Amino acid sequence: MTTSPTSPLTSEAIFAEQQTTPMPPARRRVKRKTWQTIVWFAVLIVITAVVLYPLVWLLLSTFKPNSEFGQNMGLLPNAPTIDNYVKVAEGIAGVPMWRFFANSLLIAGVSVIGTVLSSALAAYAFARLQFKGLGILFAAMIGTLLLPFHVVIIPQYIIFNNLGMVDTYWPLLLPKFLATEAFFVFLLVQFIRQMPRDMDEAAKIDGAGHLRIFWSIILPLIKPALITCAIFSFIWAWNDFLGPLLYLTSPENYPLPIALRLYNDQTSSSDYGATVTASFIALVPILLFFIVFQKFLVDGVATQGLKG
């Protein structure tokens, strides 16, 4: 019995027809894009794992006993313990760890305030005011970027020593209020120069002076750049080792970078477990600070300003 031309196709015939029908170009593009996305995600996961491996190793190593260091360099500890945290909390040289932490927080916090305020004022002067020697002073300020810190160590130490400020925080904090960070001043100058002067002129017509213009108009508009300066200033001050090592002599005044050195004395055995744990504790505030303000960091580095 033959099948009539008008009879419906069987399931086998429909499947065979679908196999012979070519895939539409749009569907092929979607399928290719899906595979490309999967490959990119896999590559990014591998790169992220490589980048984060040292941080994960540092975290897990805080639970390793001191005897495992040098023998077990793997990721997981053989005998996990919290003795390192207990030992670090007790402190060293008769000073508890919270005191070192508080000292670092004080130095970094005041440094941020001084750097941001002084750099913003100096940048406003360079970007908005007209006075004799402006170009020479700006070039001299930029030239200090090429001057290594080690060149001025001895003169600065002599000055602060004659003023009786050694073993205090004044040598570390006072320069922050004098716009000594030329990088931040230059960053803010470039940001302010991209802003139109129409708002300044309108404020002057209303009777506003330079201080009023700076505080009410310029500061709110350069907020991304100010937060960028605050982030870098906090990180640099928190990680500063040479400055506190040079000016501070009392253990109760030490910040965390100097306290870490006490766990590795060349004249005795090194406590690697306590060193790794203290290093991780010192790293946590920087990570939190960066995570919270990373959006503003990207906006500030872009330095787009306003379009006139």
C-alpha atoms as a PDB file:
ATOM      1  CA  MET A   1       0.000   0.000   0.000  1.00  0.00           C
ATOM      2  CA  THR A   2       1.544   3.305  -1.048  1.00  0.00           C
ATOM      3  CA  THR A   3       1.424   6.513   0.902  1.00  0.00           C
ATOM      4  CA  SER A   4      -0.547   9.314  -0.675  1.00  0.00           C
ATOM      5  CA  PRO A   5       1.246  12.626  -1.377  1.00  0.00           C
ATOM      6  CA  THR A   6      -0.988  14.406   1.076  1.00  0.00           C
ATOM      7  CA  SER A   7      -0.377  12.015   3.999  1.00  0.00           C
ATOM      8  CA  PRO A   8       1.631  13.444   6.983  1.00  0.00           C
ATOM      9  CA  LEU A   9       5.351  12.691   7.218  1.00  0.00           C
ATOM     10  CA  THR A  10       6.546  10.083   9.658  1.00  0.00           C
ATOM     11  CA  SER A  11       8.810  11.021  12.629  1.00  0.00           C
ATOM     12  CA  GLU A  12      11.781   9.371  10.932  1.00  0.00           C
ATOM     13  CA  ALA A  13      11.306  11.494   7.838  1.00  0.00           C
ATOM     14  CA  ILE A  14      11.005  14.705   9.871  1.00  0.00           C
ATOM     15  CA  PHE A  15      14.252  13.905  11.793  1.00  0.00           C
ATOM     16  CA  ALA A  16      16.075  13.167   8.563  1.00  0.00           C
ATOM     17  CA  GLU A  17      14.875  16.451   7.082  1.00  0.00           C
ATOM     18  CA  GLN A  18      16.071  18.387  10.166  1.00  0.00           C
ATOM     19  CA  GLN A  19      19.502  16.794   9.920  1.00  0.00           C
ATOM     20  CA  THR A  20      19.886  17.786   6.277  1.00  0.00           C
ATOM     21  CA  THR A  21      18.598  21.362   6.832  1.00  0.00           C
ATOM     22  CA  PRO A  22      21.542  23.759   7.442  1.00  0.00           C
ATOM     23  CA  MET A  23      21.618  25.752  10.738  1.00  0.00           C
ATOM     24  CA  PRO A  24      20.622  29.428  10.337  1.00  0.00           C
ATOM     25  CA  PRO A  25      23.542  31.885  10.421  1.00  0.00           C
ATOM     26  CA  ALA A  26      22.100  33.741  13.441  1.00  0.00           C
ATOM     27  CA  ARG A  27      21.954  30.544  15.480  1.00  0.00           C
ATOM     28  CA  ARG A  28      25.531  29.690  14.510  1.00  0.00           C
ATOM     29  CA  ARG A  29      26.692  33.119  15.678  1.00  0.00           C
ATOM     30  CA  VAL A  30      24.890  32.699  19.022  1.00  0.00           C
ATOM     31  CA  LYS A  31      26.422  29.269  19.519  1.00  0.00           C
ATOM     32  CA  ARG A  32      29.912  30.548  18.645  1.00  0.00           C
ATOM     33  CA  LYS A  33      29.489  33.521  21.017  1.00  0.00           C
ATOM     34  CA  THR A  34      28.416  31.172  23.813  1.00  0.00           C
ATOM     35  CA  TRP A  35      31.564  29.076  23.416  1.00  0.00           C
ATOM     36  CA  GLN A  36      33.725  32.205  23.325  1.00  0.00           C
ATOM     37  CA  THR A  37      32.117  33.398  26.567  1.00  0.00           C
ATOM     38  CA  ILE A  38      32.785  30.050  28.236  1.00  0.00           C
ATOM     39  CA  VAL A  39      36.422  30.106  27.141  1.00  0.00           C
ATOM     40  CA  TRP A  40      36.900  33.691  28.371  1.00  0.00           C
ATOM     41  CA  PHE A  41      35.352  32.842  31.740  1.00  0.00           C
ATOM     42  CA  ALA A  42      37.647  29.849  32.075  1.00  0.00           C
ATOM     43  CA  VAL A  43      40.709  31.974  31.271  1.00  0.00           C
ATOM     44  CA  LEU A  44      39.647  34.671  33.756  1.00  0.00           C
ATOM     45  CA  ILE A  45      39.078  32.073  36.478  1.00  0.00           C
ATOM     46  CA  VAL A  46      42.571  30.694  35.938  1.00  0.00           C
ATOM     47  CA  ILE A  47      44.129  34.183  36.033  1.00  0.00           C
ATOM     48  CA  THR A  48      42.152  35.071  39.168  1.00  0.00           C
ATOM     49  CA  ALA A  49      43.284  31.879  40.864  1.00  0.00           C
ATOM     50  CA  VAL A  50      46.922  32.657  40.049  1.00  0.00           C
ATOM     51  CA  VAL A  51      46.600  36.248  41.318  1.00  0.00           C
ATOM     52  CA  LEU A  52      44.775  35.305  44.532  1.00  0.00           C
ATOM     53  CA  TYR A  53      46.918  32.258  45.337  1.00  0.00           C
ATOM     54  CA  PRO A  54      49.507  34.213  47.421  1.00  0.00           C
ATOM     55  CA  LEU A  55      46.730  35.821  49.475  1.00  0.00           C
ATOM     56  CA  VAL A  56      44.988  32.483  50.057  1.00  0.00           C
ATOM     57  CA  TRP A  57      48.326  30.874  50.955  1.00  0.00           C
ATOM     58  CA  LEU A  58      49.021  33.664  53.440  1.00  0.00           C
ATOM     59  CA  LEU A  59      45.595  33.234  55.039  1.00  0.00           C
ATOM     60  CA  LEU A  60      45.851  29.465  55.397  1.00  0.00           C
ATOM     61  CA  SER A  61      49.464  29.669  56.567  1.00  0.00           C
ATOM     62  CA  THR A  62      48.320  31.622  59.622  1.00  0.00           C
ATOM     63  CA  PHE A  63      46.906  28.302  60.891  1.00  0.00           C
ATOM     64  CA  LYS A  64      50.180  26.406  60.446  1.00  0.00           C
ATOM     65  CA  PRO A  65      52.310  25.675  63.515  1.00  0.00           C
ATOM     66  CA  ASN A  66      55.774  27.175  63.500  1.00  0.00           C
ATOM     67  CA  SER A  67      57.366  23.745  62.955  1.00  0.00           C
ATOM     68  CA  GLU A  68      55.682  23.304  59.553  1.00  0.00           C
ATOM     69  CA  PHE A  69      57.329  26.323  57.954  1.00  0.00           C
ATOM     70  CA  GLY A  70      60.196  25.154  55.766  1.00  0.00           C
ATOM     71  CA  GLN A  71      58.716  21.655  55.561  1.00  0.00           C
ATOM     72  CA  ASN A  72      55.147  22.171  54.366  1.00  0.00           C
ATOM     73  CA  MET A  73      54.984  24.851  51.685  1.00  0.00           C
ATOM     74  CA  GLY A  74      51.636  23.627  50.425  1.00  0.00           C
ATOM     75  CA  LEU A  75      48.330  25.402  50.667  1.00  0.00           C
ATOM     76  CA  LEU A  76      46.724  23.450  53.516  1.00  0.00           C
ATOM     77  CA  PRO A  77      48.270  23.031  56.977  1.00  0.00           C
ATOM     78  CA  ASN A  78      48.853  19.488  58.233  1.00  0.00           C
ATOM     79  CA  ALA A  79      47.880  20.328  61.825  1.00  0.00           C
ATOM     80  CA  PRO A  80      45.727  23.504  61.885  1.00  0.00           C
ATOM     81  CA  THR A  81      46.050  25.649  64.990  1.00  0.00           C
ATOM     82  CA  ILE A  82      45.134  29.138  66.211  1.00  0.00           C
ATOM     83  CA  ASP A  83      48.223  29.485  68.404  1.00  0.00           C
ATOM     84  CA  ASN A  84      49.665  32.062  66.008  1.00  0.00           C
ATOM     85  CA  TYR A  85      46.693  34.381  66.544  1.00  0.00           C
ATOM     86  CA  VAL A  86      46.944  33.963  70.304  1.00  0.00           C
ATOM     87  CA  LYS A  87      50.661  34.726  70.199  1.00  0.00           C
ATOM     88  CA  VAL A  88      50.185  37.791  67.993  1.00  0.00           C
ATOM     89  CA  ALA A  89      47.371  39.115  70.189  1.00  0.00           C
ATOM     90  CA  GLU A  90      49.706  38.989  73.191  1.00  0.00           C
ATOM     91  CA  GLY A  91      52.114  41.293  71.363  1.00  0.00           C
ATOM     92  CA  ILE A  92      55.890  41.503  71.497  1.00  0.00           C
ATOM     93  CA  ALA A  93      58.505  43.530  73.366  1.00  0.00           C
ATOM     94  CA  GLY A  94      55.935  44.109  76.090  1.00  0.00           C
ATOM     95  CA  VAL A  95      53.550  45.930  73.721  1.00  0.00           C
ATOM     96  CA  PRO A  96      50.199  44.350  72.722  1.00  0.00           C
ATOM     97  CA  MET A  97      49.319  44.014  69.053  1.00  0.00           C
ATOM     98  CA  TRP A  98      46.352  46.364  69.344  1.00  0.00           C
ATOM     99  CA  ARG A  99      48.778  49.170  70.246  1.00  0.00           C
ATOM    100  CA  PHE A 100      50.792  48.639  67.040  1.00  0.00           C
ATOM    101  CA  PHE A 101      47.536  48.521  65.092  1.00  0.00           C
ATOM    102  CA  ALA A 102      46.272  51.737  66.701  1.00  0.00           C
ATOM    103  CA  ASN A 103      49.581  53.495  65.963  1.00  0.00           C
ATOM    104  CA  SER A 104      49.380  52.563  62.286  1.00  0.00           C
ATOM    105  CA  LEU A 105      45.747  53.651  62.126  1.00  0.00           C
ATOM    106  CA  LEU A 106      46.601  57.006  63.707  1.00  0.00           C
ATOM    107  CA  ILE A 107      49.502  57.663  61.341  1.00  0.00           C
ATOM    108  CA  ALA A 108      47.565  56.596  58.241  1.00  0.00           C
ATOM    109  CA  GLY A 109      44.377  58.469  59.190  1.00  0.00           C
ATOM    110  CA  VAL A 110      46.083  61.782  59.962  1.00  0.00           C
ATOM    111  CA  SER A 111      48.269  61.401  56.857  1.00  0.00           C
ATOM    112  CA  VAL A 112      45.169  61.072  54.693  1.00  0.00           C
ATOM    113  CA  ILE A 113      43.608  64.217  56.166  1.00  0.00           C
ATOM    114  CA  GLY A 114      46.783  66.263  55.843  1.00  0.00           C
ATOM    115  CA  THR A 115      47.654  65.063  52.352  1.00  0.00           C
ATOM    116  CA  VAL A 116      44.196  65.550  50.872  1.00  0.00           C
ATOM    117  CA  LEU A 117      43.643  68.990  52.423  1.00  0.00           C
ATOM    118  CA  SER A 118      47.065  70.457  51.653  1.00  0.00           C
ATOM    119  CA  SER A 119      47.255  68.960  48.148  1.00  0.00           C
ATOM    120  CA  ALA A 120      43.812  70.312  47.267  1.00  0.00           C
ATOM    121  CA  LEU A 121      44.716  73.817  48.441  1.00  0.00           C
ATOM    122  CA  ALA A 122      48.020  73.793  46.544  1.00  0.00           C
ATOM    123  CA  ALA A 123      46.334  72.424  43.415  1.00  0.00           C
ATOM    124  CA  TYR A 124      43.692  75.153  43.508  1.00  0.00           C
ATOM    125  CA  ALA A 125      46.409  77.796  43.747  1.00  0.00           C
ATOM    126  CA  PHE A 126      48.288  76.364  40.758  1.00  0.00           C
ATOM    127  CA  ALA A 127      45.154  75.853  38.655  1.00  0.00           C
ATOM    128  CA  ARG A 128      43.100  78.986  39.396  1.00  0.00           C
ATOM    129  CA  LEU A 129      45.337  81.755  40.741  1.00  0.00           C
ATOM    130  CA  GLN A 130      47.658  83.947  38.687  1.00  0.00           C
ATOM    131  CA  PHE A 131      50.807  85.191  40.383  1.00  0.00           C
ATOM    132  CA  LYS A 132      54.445  85.861  39.547  1.00  0.00           C
ATOM    133  CA  GLY A 133      56.627  82.792  39.371  1.00  0.00           C
ATOM    134  CA  LEU A 134      53.699  80.414  38.866  1.00  0.00           C
ATOM    135  CA  GLY A 135      55.403  78.471  36.099  1.00  0.00           C
ATOM    136  CA  ILE A 136      58.714  78.259  37.960  1.00  0.00           C
ATOM    137  CA  LEU A 137      57.088  77.051  41.168  1.00  0.00           C
ATOM    138  CA  PHE A 138      54.979  74.481  39.331  1.00  0.00           C
ATOM    139  CA  ALA A 139      58.059  73.183  37.478  1.00  0.00           C
ATOM    140  CA  ALA A 140      59.974  72.987  40.754  1.00  0.00           C
ATOM    141  CA  MET A 141      57.097  71.064  42.307  1.00  0.00           C
ATOM    142  CA  ILE A 142      57.073  68.586  39.423  1.00  0.00           C
ATOM    143  CA  GLY A 143      60.864  68.315  39.691  1.00  0.00           C
ATOM    144  CA  THR A 144      60.571  66.989  43.239  1.00  0.00           C
ATOM    145  CA  LEU A 145      59.057  63.832  41.751  1.00  0.00           C
ATOM    146  CA  LEU A 146      62.515  63.026  40.426  1.00  0.00           C
ATOM    147  CA  LEU A 147      64.130  63.576  43.837  1.00  0.00           C
ATOM    148  CA  PRO A 148      64.525  60.308  45.795  1.00  0.00           C
ATOM    149  CA  PHE A 149      63.416  60.335  49.406  1.00  0.00           C
ATOM    150  CA  HIS A 150      66.827  59.067  50.500  1.00  0.00           C
ATOM    151  CA  VAL A 151      68.474  62.319  49.370  1.00  0.00           C
ATOM    152  CA  VAL A 152      66.629  64.395  51.985  1.00  0.00           C
ATOM    153  CA  ILE A 153      66.749  61.906  54.861  1.00  0.00           C
ATOM    154  CA  ILE A 154      69.761  63.421  56.617  1.00  0.00           C
ATOM    155  CA  PRO A 155      68.701  67.107  56.316  1.00  0.00           C
ATOM    156  CA  GLN A 156      65.186  66.284  57.498  1.00  0.00           C
ATOM    157  CA  TYR A 157      66.452  64.231  60.419  1.00  0.00           C
ATOM    158  CA  ILE A 158      68.769  67.050  61.516  1.00  0.00           C
ATOM    159  CA  ILE A 159      65.906  69.565  61.393  1.00  0.00           C
ATOM    160  CA  PHE A 160      63.486  67.405  63.385  1.00  0.00           C
ATOM    161  CA  ASN A 161      66.190  66.393  65.828  1.00  0.00           C
ATOM    162  CA  ASN A 162      67.032  70.063  66.539  1.00  0.00           C
ATOM    163  CA  LEU A 163      63.315  70.689  67.095  1.00  0.00           C
ATOM    164  CA  GLY A 164      63.127  67.830  69.589  1.00  0.00           C
ATOM    165  CA  MET A 165      60.605  65.863  67.524  1.00  0.00           C
ATOM    166  CA  VAL A 166      62.499  62.570  67.257  1.00  0.00           C
ATOM    167  CA  ASP A 167      60.580  59.605  68.723  1.00  0.00           C
ATOM    168  CA  THR A 168      57.298  61.397  68.074  1.00  0.00           C
ATOM    169  CA  TYR A 169      54.834  61.278  65.204  1.00  0.00           C
ATOM    170  CA  TRP A 170      55.482  64.886  64.162  1.00  0.00           C
ATOM    171  CA  PRO A 171      58.197  64.057  61.578  1.00  0.00           C
ATOM    172  CA  LEU A 172      55.807  61.588  59.947  1.00  0.00           C
ATOM    173  CA  LEU A 173      52.689  63.781  60.013  1.00  0.00           C
ATOM    174  CA  LEU A 174      53.831  67.408  59.747  1.00  0.00           C
ATOM    175  CA  PRO A 175      55.063  67.162  56.103  1.00  0.00           C
ATOM    176  CA  LYS A 176      51.654  65.782  55.085  1.00  0.00           C
ATOM    177  CA  PHE A 177      50.064  69.156  55.910  1.00  0.00           C
ATOM    178  CA  LEU A 178      52.623  71.029  53.777  1.00  0.00           C
ATOM    179  CA  ALA A 179      51.687  69.565  50.364  1.00  0.00           C
ATOM    180  CA  THR A 180      54.926  67.625  50.029  1.00  0.00           C
ATOM    181  CA  GLU A 181      53.307  64.914  47.882  1.00  0.00           C
ATOM    182  CA  ALA A 182      53.844  66.366  44.412  1.00  0.00           C
ATOM    183  CA  PHE A 183      52.097  63.458  42.703  1.00  0.00           C
ATOM    184  CA  PHE A 184      48.777  64.248  44.387  1.00  0.00           C
ATOM    185  CA  VAL A 185      49.137  67.973  43.731  1.00  0.00           C
ATOM    186  CA  PHE A 186      49.773  67.326  40.032  1.00  0.00           C
ATOM    187  CA  LEU A 187      46.788  64.936  39.840  1.00  0.00           C
ATOM    188  CA  LEU A 188      44.430  67.500  41.367  1.00  0.00           C
ATOM    189  CA  VAL A 189      45.808  70.332  39.239  1.00  0.00           C
ATOM    190  CA  GLN A 190      45.037  68.428  36.055  1.00  0.00           C
ATOM    191  CA  PHE A 191      41.574  67.617  37.363  1.00  0.00           C
ATOM    192  CA  ILE A 192      40.763  71.235  38.269  1.00  0.00           C
ATOM    193  CA  ARG A 193      42.113  72.640  34.994  1.00  0.00           C
ATOM    194  CA  GLN A 194      39.536  70.612  33.042  1.00  0.00           C
ATOM    195  CA  MET A 195      36.685  72.376  34.850  1.00  0.00           C
ATOM    196  CA  PRO A 196      35.097  75.438  33.206  1.00  0.00           C
ATOM    197  CA  ARG A 197      35.728  78.768  34.864  1.00  0.00           C
ATOM    198  CA  ASP A 198      32.142  79.945  34.358  1.00  0.00           C
ATOM    199  CA  MET A 199      31.127  78.779  37.835  1.00  0.00           C
ATOM    200  CA  ASP A 200      34.067  80.612  39.380  1.00  0.00           C
ATOM    201  CA  GLU A 201      33.171  83.829  37.588  1.00  0.00           C
ATOM    202  CA  ALA A 202      29.525  83.545  38.621  1.00  0.00           C
ATOM    203  CA  ALA A 203      30.529  83.009  42.248  1.00  0.00           C
ATOM    204  CA  LYS A 204      32.836  86.051  42.117  1.00  0.00           C
ATOM    205  CA  ILE A 205      29.974  88.187  40.821  1.00  0.00           C
ATOM    206  CA  ASP A 206      27.925  87.059  43.845  1.00  0.00           C
ATOM    207  CA  GLY A 207      30.751  88.205  46.121  1.00  0.00           C
ATOM    208  CA  ALA A 208      32.420  84.863  46.856  1.00  0.00           C
ATOM    209  CA  GLY A 209      36.143  84.840  47.513  1.00  0.00           C
ATOM    210  CA  HIS A 210      38.715  82.184  46.677  1.00  0.00           C
ATOM    211  CA  LEU A 211      38.153  80.279  49.924  1.00  0.00           C
ATOM    212  CA  ARG A 212      34.392  80.168  49.322  1.00  0.00           C
ATOM    213  CA  ILE A 213      34.861  79.076  45.721  1.00  0.00           C
ATOM    214  CA  PHE A 214      37.324  76.391  46.752  1.00  0.00           C
ATOM    215  CA  TRP A 215      35.126  75.007  49.537  1.00  0.00           C
ATOM    216  CA  SER A 216      31.678  75.226  47.905  1.00  0.00           C
ATOM    217  CA  ILE A 217      32.427  74.678  44.213  1.00  0.00           C
ATOM    218  CA  ILE A 218      35.803  73.045  43.593  1.00  0.00           C
ATOM    219  CA  LEU A 219      35.885  70.484  46.409  1.00  0.00           C
ATOM    220  CA  PRO A 220      32.521  68.833  45.592  1.00  0.00           C
ATOM    221  CA  LEU A 221      33.474  68.561  41.919  1.00  0.00           C
ATOM    222  CA  ILE A 222      36.877  66.952  42.507  1.00  0.00           C
ATOM    223  CA  LYS A 223      35.545  64.342  44.940  1.00  0.00           C
ATOM    224  CA  PRO A 224      36.684  61.327  42.809  1.00  0.00           C
ATOM    225  CA  ALA A 225      40.239  62.700  42.620  1.00  0.00           C
ATOM    226  CA  LEU A 226      40.259  63.430  46.359  1.00  0.00           C
ATOM    227  CA  ILE A 227      39.222  59.858  47.135  1.00  0.00           C
ATOM    228  CA  THR A 228      41.972  58.588  44.839  1.00  0.00           C
ATOM    229  CA  CYS A 229      44.504  60.654  46.772  1.00  0.00           C
ATOM    230  CA  ALA A 230      43.064  59.374  50.055  1.00  0.00           C
ATOM    231  CA  ILE A 231      43.373  55.734  48.981  1.00  0.00           C
ATOM    232  CA  PHE A 232      46.991  55.998  47.849  1.00  0.00           C
ATOM    233  CA  SER A 233      47.937  58.152  50.831  1.00  0.00           C
ATOM    234  CA  PHE A 234      46.436  55.603  53.238  1.00  0.00           C
ATOM    235  CA  ILE A 235      48.234  52.689  51.591  1.00  0.00           C
ATOM    236  CA  TRP A 236      51.594  54.489  51.481  1.00  0.00           C
ATOM    237  CA  ALA A 237      51.350  55.660  55.090  1.00  0.00           C
ATOM    238  CA  TRP A 238      50.167  52.259  56.330  1.00  0.00           C
ATOM    239  CA  ASN A 239      53.025  50.433  54.605  1.00  0.00           C
ATOM    240  CA  ASP A 240      55.719  53.014  55.380  1.00  0.00           C
ATOM    241  CA  PHE A 241      58.724  51.332  56.976  1.00  0.00           C
ATOM    242  CA  LEU A 242      61.673  53.665  56.503  1.00  0.00           C
ATOM    243  CA  GLY A 243      60.094  56.759  58.051  1.00  0.00           C
ATOM    244  CA  PRO A 244      59.038  55.149  61.363  1.00  0.00           C
ATOM    245  CA  LEU A 245      62.309  53.217  61.484  1.00  0.00           C
ATOM    246  CA  LEU A 246      64.238  56.478  61.229  1.00  0.00           C
ATOM    247  CA  TYR A 247      62.294  58.651  63.672  1.00  0.00           C
ATOM    248  CA  LEU A 248      60.716  56.258  66.212  1.00  0.00           C
ATOM    249  CA  THR A 249      62.793  54.556  68.895  1.00  0.00           C
ATOM    250  CA  SER A 250      60.245  53.522  71.565  1.00  0.00           C
ATOM    251  CA  PRO A 251      58.457  50.173  70.938  1.00  0.00           C
ATOM    252  CA  GLU A 252      55.146  51.569  72.179  1.00  0.00           C
ATOM    253  CA  ASN A 253      55.228  54.077  69.294  1.00  0.00           C
ATOM    254  CA  TYR A 254      55.953  51.508  66.578  1.00  0.00           C
ATOM    255  CA  PRO A 255      53.424  50.982  63.762  1.00  0.00           C
ATOM    256  CA  LEU A 256      52.751  47.537  62.307  1.00  0.00           C
ATOM    257  CA  PRO A 257      55.563  47.489  59.685  1.00  0.00           C
ATOM    258  CA  ILE A 258      58.169  48.039  62.419  1.00  0.00           C
ATOM    259  CA  ALA A 259      56.445  45.553  64.732  1.00  0.00           C
ATOM    260  CA  LEU A 260      56.730  42.861  62.053  1.00  0.00           C
ATOM    261  CA  ARG A 261      60.487  43.231  62.132  1.00  0.00           C
ATOM    262  CA  LEU A 262      60.534  42.313  65.828  1.00  0.00           C
ATOM    263  CA  TYR A 263      59.318  38.806  65.014  1.00  0.00           C
ATOM    264  CA  ASN A 264      62.422  38.211  62.863  1.00  0.00           C
ATOM    265  CA  ASP A 265      65.465  39.194  64.851  1.00  0.00           C
ATOM    266  CA  GLN A 266      68.733  38.191  63.203  1.00  0.00           C
ATOM    267  CA  THR A 267      70.282  37.441  66.580  1.00  0.00           C
ATOM    268  CA  SER A 268      67.692  34.772  67.465  1.00  0.00           C
ATOM    269  CA  SER A 269      65.354  32.282  65.842  1.00  0.00           C
ATOM    270  CA  SER A 270      62.580  33.711  63.691  1.00  0.00           C
ATOM    271  CA  ASP A 271      58.936  33.101  64.547  1.00  0.00           C
ATOM    272  CA  TYR A 272      57.538  32.531  61.066  1.00  0.00           C
ATOM    273  CA  GLY A 273      54.051  31.645  62.255  1.00  0.00           C
ATOM    274  CA  ALA A 274      53.630  34.899  64.169  1.00  0.00           C
ATOM    275  CA  THR A 275      55.217  36.861  61.306  1.00  0.00           C
ATOM    276  CA  VAL A 276      52.797  35.462  58.724  1.00  0.00           C
ATOM    277  CA  THR A 277      49.822  36.030  61.016  1.00  0.00           C
ATOM    278  CA  ALA A 278      50.824  39.606  61.824  1.00  0.00           C
ATOM    279  CA  SER A 279      51.414  40.261  58.110  1.00  0.00           C
ATOM    280  CA  PHE A 280      47.924  39.051  57.262  1.00  0.00           C
ATOM    281  CA  ILE A 281      46.382  41.198  60.005  1.00  0.00           C
ATOM    282  CA  ALA A 282      48.277  44.219  58.661  1.00  0.00           C
ATOM    283  CA  LEU A 283      47.004  43.471  55.152  1.00  0.00           C
ATOM    284  CA  VAL A 284      43.303  43.280  56.048  1.00  0.00           C
ATOM    285  CA  PRO A 285      42.688  47.068  56.498  1.00  0.00           C
ATOM    286  CA  ILE A 286      44.245  47.831  53.109  1.00  0.00           C
ATOM    287  CA  LEU A 287      42.059  45.242  51.387  1.00  0.00           C
ATOM    288  CA  LEU A 288      38.915  46.563  53.063  1.00  0.00           C
ATOM    289  CA  PHE A 289      39.855  50.177  52.296  1.00  0.00           C
ATOM    290  CA  PHE A 290      40.447  49.339  48.644  1.00  0.00           C
ATOM    291  CA  ILE A 291      37.257  47.264  48.261  1.00  0.00           C
ATOM    292  CA  VAL A 292      35.080  50.011  49.724  1.00  0.00           C
ATOM    293  CA  PHE A 293      36.546  52.830  47.605  1.00  0.00           C
ATOM    294  CA  GLN A 294      37.537  50.991  44.409  1.00  0.00           C
ATOM    295  CA  LYS A 295      34.711  52.594  42.379  1.00  0.00           C
ATOM    296  CA  PHE A 296      35.901  56.076  43.322  1.00  0.00           C
ATOM    297  CA  LEU A 297      39.486  55.024  42.574  1.00  0.00           C
ATOM    298  CA  VAL A 298      38.616  54.212  38.968  1.00  0.00           C
ATOM    299  CA  ASP A 299      36.695  57.483  38.569  1.00  0.00           C
ATOM    300  CA  GLY A 300      39.569  59.488  40.039  1.00  0.00           C
ATOM    301  CA  VAL A 301      42.296  57.895  37.923  1.00  0.00           C
ATOM    302  CA  ALA A 302      40.251  58.622  34.810  1.00  0.00           C
ATOM    303  CA  THR A 303      40.410  62.363  35.696  1.00  0.00           C
ATOM    304  CA  GLN A 304      37.667  63.214  33.224  1.00  0.00           C
ATOM    305  CA  GLY A 305      36.601  66.380  35.044  1.00  0.00           C
ATOM    306  CA  LEU A 306      33.825  68.356  33.399  1.00  0.00           C
ATOM    307  CA  LYS A 307      33.388  69.229  29.766  1.00  0.00           C
ATOM    308  CA  GLY A 308      32.925  72.876  29.044  1.00  0.00           C
END
